[in-house]
């Protein structure tokens, strides 16, 4: 098991100590992403008028939206890869079949 790392991060203007088995660099990148989302959402006038609970829910919904969009993109890419793999498989078999036919013709 990897060693648990602890690192200081700033999220929403507050310094926090975050621990995890990921690298310090990864934890910092995740924190940067979270801060970016917070900054993006805070630009909305309607957001500023909301209660803290509602603000947190809006941030969470935006992050969940990003997650599901990324997950869908991964599924699309995996489908494309599977289709390409099948196409390559079919082409290899066609090539083998054509090579076999050529060999048969050469024998005649």
C-alpha atoms as a PDB file:
ATOM      1  CA  UNK A   1       0.000   0.000   0.000  1.00  0.00           C
ATOM      2  CA  UNK A   2       1.259   3.484  -0.826  1.00  0.00           C
ATOM      3  CA  UNK A   3       2.141   6.026   1.774  1.00  0.00           C
ATOM      4  CA  UNK A   4      -0.609   8.495   2.585  1.00  0.00           C
ATOM      5  CA  UNK A   5       0.326  12.018   1.540  1.00  0.00           C
ATOM      6  CA  UNK A   6      -0.807  15.183   3.242  1.00  0.00           C
ATOM      7  CA  UNK A   7      -0.593  18.548   1.588  1.00  0.00           C
ATOM      8  CA  UNK A   8      -1.882  22.036   2.188  1.00  0.00           C
ATOM      9  CA  UNK A   9      -4.280  23.387  -0.390  1.00  0.00           C
ATOM     10  CA  UNK A  10      -6.309  26.534  -0.710  1.00  0.00           C
ATOM     11  CA  UNK A  11      -9.936  25.952  -1.610  1.00  0.00           C
ATOM     12  CA  UNK A  12     -12.408  28.796  -1.678  1.00  0.00           C
ATOM     13  CA  UNK A  13      -9.892  31.072   0.020  1.00  0.00           C
ATOM     14  CA  UNK A  14      -9.376  28.696   2.947  1.00  0.00           C
ATOM     15  CA  UNK A  15      -6.194  26.751   3.638  1.00  0.00           C
ATOM     16  CA  UNK A  16      -6.900  23.088   4.278  1.00  0.00           C
ATOM     17  CA  UNK A  17      -4.742  20.043   4.906  1.00  0.00           C
ATOM     18  CA  UNK A  18      -5.840  17.299   2.536  1.00  0.00           C
ATOM     19  CA  UNK A  19      -4.660  13.714   2.781  1.00  0.00           C
ATOM     20  CA  UNK A  20      -4.756  10.908   0.285  1.00  0.00           C
ATOM     21  CA  UNK A  21      -2.753   8.183  -1.386  1.00  0.00           C
ATOM     22  CA  UNK A  22      -2.399  10.204  -4.568  1.00  0.00           C
ATOM     23  CA  UNK A  23       0.635  12.378  -5.231  1.00  0.00           C
ATOM     24  CA  UNK A  24       0.845  15.896  -3.859  1.00  0.00           C
ATOM     25  CA  UNK A  25       0.807  17.166  -7.440  1.00  0.00           C
ATOM     26  CA  UNK A  26      -2.471  15.339  -8.110  1.00  0.00           C
ATOM     27  CA  UNK A  27      -4.074  16.702  -4.937  1.00  0.00           C
ATOM     28  CA  UNK A  28      -3.008  20.220  -5.974  1.00  0.00           C
ATOM     29  CA  UNK A  29      -4.499  19.708  -9.469  1.00  0.00           C
ATOM     30  CA  UNK A  30      -7.803  18.559  -7.982  1.00  0.00           C
ATOM     31  CA  UNK A  31      -7.813  21.578  -5.673  1.00  0.00           C
ATOM     32  CA  UNK A  32      -7.072  23.870  -8.619  1.00  0.00           C
ATOM     33  CA  UNK A  33      -9.993  22.358 -10.537  1.00  0.00           C
ATOM     34  CA  UNK A  34     -12.302  22.877  -7.574  1.00  0.00           C
ATOM     35  CA  UNK A  35     -11.183  26.494  -7.199  1.00  0.00           C
ATOM     36  CA  UNK A  36     -11.755  27.051 -10.914  1.00  0.00           C
ATOM     37  CA  UNK A  37     -15.309  25.741 -10.628  1.00  0.00           C
ATOM     38  CA  UNK A  38     -15.975  27.916  -7.581  1.00  0.00           C
ATOM     39  CA  UNK A  39     -14.620  30.995  -9.397  1.00  0.00           C
ATOM     40  CA  UNK A  40     -16.625  30.205 -12.513  1.00  0.00           C
ATOM     41  CA  UNK A  41     -19.878  29.866 -10.602  1.00  0.00           C
ATOM     42  CA  UNK A  42     -19.240  32.890  -8.380  1.00  0.00           C
ATOM     43  CA  UNK A  43     -19.297  35.130 -11.462  1.00  0.00           C
ATOM     44  CA  UNK A  44     -23.066  34.689 -11.626  1.00  0.00           C
ATOM     45  CA  UNK A  45     -25.044  37.438  -9.880  1.00  0.00           C
ATOM     46  CA  UNK A  46     -27.718  34.932  -8.913  1.00  0.00           C
ATOM     47  CA  UNK A  47     -25.149  32.742  -7.207  1.00  0.00           C
ATOM     48  CA  UNK A  48     -24.014  35.500  -4.857  1.00  0.00           C
ATOM     49  CA  UNK A  49     -27.541  35.976  -3.543  1.00  0.00           C
ATOM     50  CA  UNK A  50     -27.941  32.311  -2.577  1.00  0.00           C
ATOM     51  CA  UNK A  51     -27.443  30.821   0.876  1.00  0.00           C
ATOM     52  CA  UNK A  52     -24.179  28.970   1.554  1.00  0.00           C
ATOM     53  CA  UNK A  53     -26.004  25.622   1.441  1.00  0.00           C
ATOM     54  CA  UNK A  54     -27.478  26.435  -1.953  1.00  0.00           C
ATOM     55  CA  UNK A  55     -24.102  27.683  -3.215  1.00  0.00           C
ATOM     56  CA  UNK A  56     -22.499  24.380  -2.168  1.00  0.00           C
ATOM     57  CA  UNK A  57     -25.228  22.415  -3.923  1.00  0.00           C
ATOM     58  CA  UNK A  58     -24.747  24.459  -7.100  1.00  0.00           C
ATOM     59  CA  UNK A  59     -20.992  23.814  -7.039  1.00  0.00           C
ATOM     60  CA  UNK A  60     -21.588  20.102  -6.465  1.00  0.00           C
ATOM     61  CA  UNK A  61     -24.103  19.957  -9.320  1.00  0.00           C
ATOM     62  CA  UNK A  62     -21.650  21.658 -11.675  1.00  0.00           C
ATOM     63  CA  UNK A  63     -18.891  19.217 -10.737  1.00  0.00           C
ATOM     64  CA  UNK A  64     -21.269  16.259 -11.147  1.00  0.00           C
ATOM     65  CA  UNK A  65     -22.255  17.660 -14.559  1.00  0.00           C
ATOM     66  CA  UNK A  66     -18.584  17.784 -15.594  1.00  0.00           C
ATOM     67  CA  UNK A  67     -18.133  14.207 -14.351  1.00  0.00           C
ATOM     68  CA  UNK A  68     -21.094  12.811 -16.287  1.00  0.00           C
ATOM     69  CA  UNK A  69     -20.092  14.677 -19.464  1.00  0.00           C
ATOM     70  CA  UNK A  70     -16.546  13.298 -19.170  1.00  0.00           C
ATOM     71  CA  UNK A  71     -17.894   9.811 -18.477  1.00  0.00           C
ATOM     72  CA  UNK A  72     -20.112  10.005 -21.571  1.00  0.00           C
ATOM     73  CA  UNK A  73     -17.136  11.153 -23.644  1.00  0.00           C
ATOM     74  CA  UNK A  74     -15.125   8.163 -22.394  1.00  0.00           C
ATOM     75  CA  UNK A  75     -17.968   5.833 -23.382  1.00  0.00           C
ATOM     76  CA  UNK A  76     -18.077   7.366 -26.869  1.00  0.00           C
ATOM     77  CA  UNK A  77     -14.319   7.010 -27.249  1.00  0.00           C
ATOM     78  CA  UNK A  78     -14.408   3.414 -26.009  1.00  0.00           C
ATOM     79  CA  UNK A  79     -17.127   2.655 -28.583  1.00  0.00           C
ATOM     80  CA  UNK A  80     -14.960   4.204 -31.316  1.00  0.00           C
ATOM     81  CA  UNK A  81     -11.974   2.142 -30.182  1.00  0.00           C
ATOM     82  CA  UNK A  82     -14.063  -1.043 -30.195  1.00  0.00           C
ATOM     83  CA  UNK A  83     -15.323  -0.248 -33.698  1.00  0.00           C
ATOM     84  CA  UNK A  84     -11.770   0.399 -34.922  1.00  0.00           C
ATOM     85  CA  UNK A  85     -10.549  -2.813 -33.288  1.00  0.00           C
ATOM     86  CA  UNK A  86     -13.288  -4.762 -35.092  1.00  0.00           C
ATOM     87  CA  UNK A  87     -12.419  -3.048 -38.364  1.00  0.00           C
ATOM     88  CA  UNK A  88      -8.724  -3.916 -37.929  1.00  0.00           C
ATOM     89  CA  UNK A  89      -9.632  -7.515 -37.051  1.00  0.00           C
ATOM     90  CA  UNK A  90     -11.800  -7.784 -40.169  1.00  0.00           C
ATOM     91  CA  UNK A  91      -9.110  -6.231 -42.364  1.00  0.00           C
ATOM     92  CA  UNK A  92      -6.463  -8.621 -41.027  1.00  0.00           C
ATOM     93  CA  UNK A  93      -8.688 -11.596 -41.785  1.00  0.00           C
ATOM     94  CA  UNK A  94      -9.419 -10.245 -45.253  1.00  0.00           C
ATOM     95  CA  UNK A  95      -5.698  -9.830 -45.829  1.00  0.00           C
ATOM     96  CA  UNK A  96      -5.020 -13.390 -44.693  1.00  0.00           C
ATOM     97  CA  UNK A  97      -7.812 -14.666 -46.942  1.00  0.00           C
ATOM     98  CA  UNK A  98      -6.478 -12.718 -49.919  1.00  0.00           C
ATOM     99  CA  UNK A  99      -2.950 -13.979 -49.242  1.00  0.00           C
ATOM    100  CA  UNK A 100      -4.257 -17.537 -49.144  1.00  0.00           C
ATOM    101  CA  UNK A 101      -6.079 -17.032 -52.462  1.00  0.00           C
ATOM    102  CA  UNK A 102      -2.952 -15.549 -54.015  1.00  0.00           C
ATOM    103  CA  UNK A 103      -0.915 -18.518 -52.837  1.00  0.00           C
ATOM    104  CA  UNK A 104      -3.516 -20.876 -54.324  1.00  0.00           C
ATOM    105  CA  UNK A 105      -3.383 -19.047 -57.653  1.00  0.00           C
ATOM    106  CA  UNK A 106       0.405 -19.173 -57.694  1.00  0.00           C
ATOM    107  CA  UNK A 107       0.272 -22.948 -57.189  1.00  0.00           C
ATOM    108  CA  UNK A 108      -1.898 -23.464 -60.274  1.00  0.00           C
END
